[in-house]
Amino acid sequence: MPALNRVQLIGYLGRDPETRFTPSGRKVCHFSVGVTQRWRAGEELKEYTEWFNIEAWGRLGEVAQEYLKKGSLVYVEGRLRTERYEEKGDTKYYTKVVALTLQFLDRKPTEEPVLAIEEESSEYEA
């Protein structure tokens, strides 16, 4: 049976990207993206920001580290991955987005193109 695990986000980076290395020596870049929803409740304007942890592997992570910074507007497409860990005897879970495509949406001078990068799904580690 076919399956689909895809997420698309447009939001602002909440912190500068951080690059780390796995025990096998592979590069992985982590950053967070905030997506804000705004609505009107009567006369009052309300908003809520949902935060997503993003993980970019290989060349995609290198490009993110080089060009993105806190406050950058970015389009991220990827897949959801839930991991678990133990803390004080309790099992805890967290969900992140493994990025497959990044597109930088910050306004640049007209001579600079919008940069879009796609990564092969085999580039990340499980």
Protein backbone atom coordinates (compact mmCIF):
# COMPACT_ATOMS: atom_id res chain seq x y z
CA MET A 1 0.00 0.00 0.00
CA PRO A 2 1.42 3.45 -0.87
CA ALA A 3 2.39 5.83 1.93
CA LEU A 4 2.99 9.56 2.14
CA ASN A 5 5.02 11.46 4.72
CA ARG A 6 5.52 15.04 3.53
CA VAL A 7 5.41 18.43 5.21
CA GLN A 8 5.72 21.93 3.72
CA LEU A 9 6.50 24.97 5.86
CA ILE A 10 7.12 28.66 5.29
CA GLY A 11 8.46 30.50 8.30
CA TYR A 12 11.29 32.37 9.95
CA LEU A 13 14.37 30.82 11.58
CA GLY A 14 14.25 31.13 15.35
CA ARG A 15 18.00 30.65 15.79
CA ASP A 16 21.15 30.36 13.72
CA PRO A 17 21.74 26.91 12.20
CA GLU A 18 24.09 24.60 14.12
CA THR A 19 26.14 21.93 12.37
CA ARG A 20 27.21 18.75 14.15
CA PHE A 21 28.81 15.50 13.13
CA THR A 22 27.43 12.00 13.67
CA PRO A 23 29.70 9.30 15.14
CA SER A 24 30.24 8.07 11.57
CA GLY A 25 31.47 11.55 10.53
CA ARG A 26 28.40 12.72 8.56
CA LYS A 27 27.43 16.40 8.75
CA VAL A 28 23.95 17.37 9.95
CA CYS A 29 22.58 20.89 10.40
CA HIS A 30 19.84 21.75 12.92
CA PHE A 31 17.67 24.86 13.08
CA SER A 32 14.15 25.83 14.11
CA VAL A 33 11.44 27.44 12.02
CA GLY A 34 8.49 29.36 13.43
CA VAL A 35 5.22 29.48 11.50
CA THR A 36 2.81 32.14 12.76
CA GLN A 37 -0.96 32.02 12.31
CA ARG A 38 -2.93 35.24 12.73
CA TRP A 39 -6.68 35.65 13.11
CA ARG A 40 -9.19 38.19 14.28
CA ALA A 41 -11.42 37.47 17.29
CA GLY A 42 -13.93 40.29 17.18
CA GLU A 43 -11.89 43.48 17.30
CA GLU A 44 -8.80 41.74 18.71
CA LEU A 45 -6.01 40.46 16.47
CA LYS A 46 -4.56 37.20 17.81
CA GLU A 47 -1.58 35.14 16.75
CA TYR A 48 0.03 31.81 17.55
CA THR A 49 3.49 30.59 16.50
CA GLU A 50 4.17 26.88 16.02
CA TRP A 51 7.86 25.90 16.20
CA PHE A 52 9.40 23.08 14.16
CA ASN A 53 12.84 21.52 14.60
CA ILE A 54 14.50 21.03 11.21
CA GLU A 55 17.36 18.66 10.35
CA ALA A 56 19.26 19.01 7.05
CA TRP A 57 21.88 16.47 5.95
CA GLY A 58 24.84 16.59 3.59
CA ARG A 59 25.11 19.40 1.06
CA LEU A 60 21.66 20.72 2.00
CA GLY A 61 22.89 21.21 5.57
CA GLU A 62 26.07 22.90 4.37
CA VAL A 63 24.08 25.39 2.28
CA ALA A 64 21.69 26.06 5.19
CA GLN A 65 24.65 26.70 7.52
CA GLU A 66 26.25 29.07 5.02
CA TYR A 67 23.24 31.15 3.94
CA LEU A 68 20.63 31.02 6.71
CA LYS A 69 20.61 32.97 9.96
CA LYS A 70 18.16 33.82 12.70
CA GLY A 71 15.22 35.68 11.15
CA SER A 72 15.67 34.28 7.61
CA LEU A 73 12.45 33.51 5.75
CA VAL A 74 12.58 30.00 4.32
CA TYR A 75 10.42 27.36 2.61
CA VAL A 76 11.15 23.84 3.89
CA GLU A 77 9.82 20.63 2.44
CA GLY A 78 10.62 17.35 4.09
CA ARG A 79 9.32 14.39 6.04
CA LEU A 80 8.35 13.99 9.67
CA ARG A 81 10.46 11.77 11.90
CA THR A 82 9.65 10.95 15.52
CA GLU A 83 12.45 9.84 17.82
CA ARG A 84 12.43 8.75 21.42
CA TYR A 85 14.81 9.07 24.31
CA GLU A 86 14.96 8.19 27.99
CA GLU A 87 15.02 10.89 30.66
CA LYS A 88 14.92 10.03 34.38
CA GLY A 89 13.39 6.65 33.58
CA ASP A 90 10.64 8.11 31.38
CA THR A 91 10.40 7.55 27.64
CA LYS A 92 9.94 10.85 25.81
CA TYR A 93 9.21 11.51 22.16
CA TYR A 94 9.90 14.44 19.85
CA THR A 95 9.09 15.03 16.22
CA LYS A 96 11.33 16.83 13.74
CA VAL A 97 11.31 17.60 10.04
CA VAL A 98 14.05 16.00 7.93
CA ALA A 99 14.50 18.59 5.18
CA LEU A 100 14.57 17.44 1.56
CA THR A 101 14.12 20.86 -0.08
CA LEU A 102 15.01 24.38 1.06
CA GLN A 103 14.15 27.61 -0.69
CA PHE A 104 15.37 30.93 0.66
CA LEU A 105 12.59 33.52 0.51
CA ASP A 106 14.30 36.61 1.92
CA ARG A 107 14.08 39.61 -0.37
CA LYS A 108 17.34 40.21 -2.19
CA PRO A 109 18.40 42.77 -4.78
CA THR A 110 16.82 42.01 -8.16
CA GLU A 111 20.04 40.67 -9.68
CA GLU A 112 20.23 37.81 -7.15
CA PRO A 113 18.03 34.77 -7.88
CA VAL A 114 16.05 32.91 -5.23
CA LEU A 115 18.12 29.89 -4.24
CA ALA A 116 16.44 26.47 -4.11
CA ILE A 117 18.27 23.34 -3.03
CA GLU A 118 17.00 19.75 -3.08
CA GLU A 119 18.58 16.79 -1.35
CA GLU A 120 18.35 13.11 -2.24
CA SER A 121 16.46 11.20 0.46
CA SER A 122 19.33 8.72 0.77
CA GLU A 123 21.65 11.45 2.13
CA TYR A 124 20.45 11.31 5.75
CA GLU A 125 20.98 8.73 8.44
CA ALA A 126 18.15 6.94 10.21
